[in-house]
C-alpha atoms as a PDB file:
ATOM      1  CA  UNK A   1      -3.813  -3.295   6.595  1.00  0.00           C
ATOM      2  CA  UNK A   2      -6.407  -6.037   6.446  1.00  0.00           C
ATOM      3  CA  UNK A   3      -4.515  -9.119   7.709  1.00  0.00           C
ATOM      4  CA  UNK A   4      -7.266 -11.469   6.565  1.00  0.00           C
ATOM      5  CA  UNK A   5      -7.192 -10.301   2.944  1.00  0.00           C
ATOM      6  CA  UNK A   6      -4.753 -12.312   0.801  1.00  0.00           C
ATOM      7  CA  UNK A   7      -4.400  -9.423  -1.649  1.00  0.00           C
ATOM      8  CA  UNK A   8      -3.413  -7.033   1.157  1.00  0.00           C
ATOM      9  CA  UNK A   9      -0.851  -9.516   2.458  1.00  0.00           C
ATOM     10  CA  UNK A  10       0.575 -10.076  -1.033  1.00  0.00           C
ATOM     11  CA  UNK A  11       0.977  -6.367  -1.782  1.00  0.00           C
ATOM     12  CA  UNK A  12       2.465  -5.763   1.673  1.00  0.00           C
ATOM     13  CA  UNK A  13       5.033  -8.522   1.119  1.00  0.00           C
ATOM     14  CA  UNK A  14       5.968  -7.108  -2.290  1.00  0.00           C
ATOM     15  CA  UNK A  15       6.194  -3.614  -0.776  1.00  0.00           C
ATOM     16  CA  UNK A  16       8.567  -4.869   1.916  1.00  0.00           C
ATOM     17  CA  UNK A  17      10.742  -6.675  -0.641  1.00  0.00           C
ATOM     18  CA  UNK A  18      10.990  -3.494  -2.689  1.00  0.00           C
ATOM     19  CA  UNK A  19      11.902  -1.451   0.411  1.00  0.00           C
ATOM     20  CA  UNK A  20      14.610  -3.918   1.380  1.00  0.00           C
ATOM     21  CA  UNK A  21      15.993  -3.706  -2.155  1.00  0.00           C
ATOM     22  CA  UNK A  22      16.041   0.098  -1.873  1.00  0.00           C
ATOM     23  CA  UNK A  23      13.384   0.599  -4.565  1.00  0.00           C
ATOM     24  CA  UNK A  24      11.145   3.050  -2.729  1.00  0.00           C
ATOM     25  CA  UNK A  25       9.260   4.025  -5.883  1.00  0.00           C
ATOM     26  CA  UNK A  26       8.146   0.427  -6.394  1.00  0.00           C
ATOM     27  CA  UNK A  27       7.362   0.108  -2.676  1.00  0.00           C
ATOM     28  CA  UNK A  28       5.077   3.133  -2.959  1.00  0.00           C
ATOM     29  CA  UNK A  29       3.411   1.629  -6.034  1.00  0.00           C
ATOM     30  CA  UNK A  30       2.608  -1.557  -4.116  1.00  0.00           C
ATOM     31  CA  UNK A  31       1.198   0.453  -1.214  1.00  0.00           C
ATOM     32  CA  UNK A  32      -1.088   2.333  -3.622  1.00  0.00           C
ATOM     33  CA  UNK A  33      -2.230  -0.952  -5.159  1.00  0.00           C
ATOM     34  CA  UNK A  34      -2.906  -2.393  -1.706  1.00  0.00           C
ATOM     35  CA  UNK A  35      -5.001   0.598  -0.683  1.00  0.00           C
ATOM     36  CA  UNK A  36      -6.939   0.697  -3.930  1.00  0.00           C
ATOM     37  CA  UNK A  37      -7.706  -2.906  -4.733  1.00  0.00           C
ATOM     38  CA  UNK A  38     -11.456  -3.430  -5.227  1.00  0.00           C
ATOM     39  CA  UNK A  39     -12.268  -5.009  -1.870  1.00  0.00           C
ATOM     40  CA  UNK A  40     -11.054  -1.928   0.027  1.00  0.00           C
ATOM     41  CA  UNK A  41     -11.686   1.122  -2.133  1.00  0.00           C
ATOM     42  CA  UNK A  42     -14.442   2.405   0.151  1.00  0.00           C
ATOM     43  CA  UNK A  43     -13.020   1.184   3.458  1.00  0.00           C
ATOM     44  CA  UNK A  44      -9.552   2.781   3.522  1.00  0.00           C
ATOM     45  CA  UNK A  45      -9.624   6.568   3.904  1.00  0.00           C
ATOM     46  CA  UNK A  46      -7.044   8.716   2.176  1.00  0.00           C
ATOM     47  CA  UNK A  47      -4.201   9.837   4.393  1.00  0.00           C
ATOM     48  CA  UNK A  48      -3.448  13.542   4.786  1.00  0.00           C
ATOM     49  CA  UNK A  49      -0.543  14.645   2.648  1.00  0.00           C
ATOM     50  CA  UNK A  50       1.099  16.645   5.408  1.00  0.00           C
ATOM     51  CA  UNK A  51       2.196  19.436   3.073  1.00  0.00           C
ATOM     52  CA  UNK A  52       2.039  23.074   4.041  1.00  0.00           C
ATOM     53  CA  UNK A  53      -0.160  25.140   1.762  1.00  0.00           C
END
Protein backbone atom coordinates (compact mmCIF):
# COMPACT_ATOMS: atom_id res chain seq x y z
CA UNK A 1 0.00 0.00 0.00
CA UNK A 2 1.15 3.52 -0.75
CA UNK A 3 1.02 5.24 2.66
CA UNK A 4 1.45 8.68 1.12
CA UNK A 5 -1.57 8.36 -1.19
CA UNK A 6 -4.79 9.63 0.43
CA UNK A 7 -6.89 7.42 -1.85
CA UNK A 8 -4.96 4.31 -0.78
CA UNK A 9 -5.39 5.22 2.88
CA UNK A 10 -9.12 5.87 2.42
CA UNK A 11 -9.78 2.56 0.67
CA UNK A 12 -7.66 0.70 3.24
CA UNK A 13 -9.66 2.25 6.09
CA UNK A 14 -12.96 1.32 4.42
CA UNK A 15 -11.64 -2.20 3.78
CA UNK A 16 -10.74 -2.59 7.45
CA UNK A 17 -14.16 -1.32 8.57
CA UNK A 18 -15.85 -3.84 6.29
CA UNK A 19 -13.65 -6.67 7.61
CA UNK A 20 -14.43 -5.76 11.20
CA UNK A 21 -18.14 -5.77 10.34
CA UNK A 22 -17.74 -9.24 8.81
CA UNK A 23 -18.52 -8.06 5.26
CA UNK A 24 -15.64 -9.73 3.44
CA UNK A 25 -17.20 -9.18 0.02
CA UNK A 26 -17.20 -5.42 0.56
CA UNK A 27 -13.68 -5.59 2.01
CA UNK A 28 -12.52 -7.31 -1.18
CA UNK A 29 -14.26 -4.66 -3.29
CA UNK A 30 -12.38 -1.90 -1.47
CA UNK A 31 -9.08 -3.73 -1.95
CA UNK A 32 -9.76 -3.99 -5.69
CA UNK A 33 -10.58 -0.28 -5.84
CA UNK A 34 -7.40 0.56 -3.94
CA UNK A 35 -5.25 -1.48 -6.31
CA UNK A 36 -6.91 -0.11 -9.42
CA UNK A 37 -7.34 3.57 -8.77
CA UNK A 38 -5.74 5.65 -11.55
CA UNK A 39 -2.57 6.69 -9.74
CA UNK A 40 -1.48 3.05 -9.27
CA UNK A 41 -2.80 1.04 -12.20
CA UNK A 42 0.68 0.53 -13.65
CA UNK A 43 2.61 0.36 -10.38
CA UNK A 44 0.86 -2.47 -8.51
CA UNK A 45 1.41 -5.90 -10.07
CA UNK A 46 -1.34 -8.50 -10.01
CA UNK A 47 -0.98 -11.10 -7.30
CA UNK A 48 -0.87 -14.79 -8.21
CA UNK A 49 -4.19 -16.49 -7.65
CA UNK A 50 -2.67 -19.51 -5.95
CA UNK A 51 -5.09 -21.95 -7.58
CA UNK A 52 -4.01 -25.34 -8.84
CA UNK A 53 -4.61 -25.82 -12.54
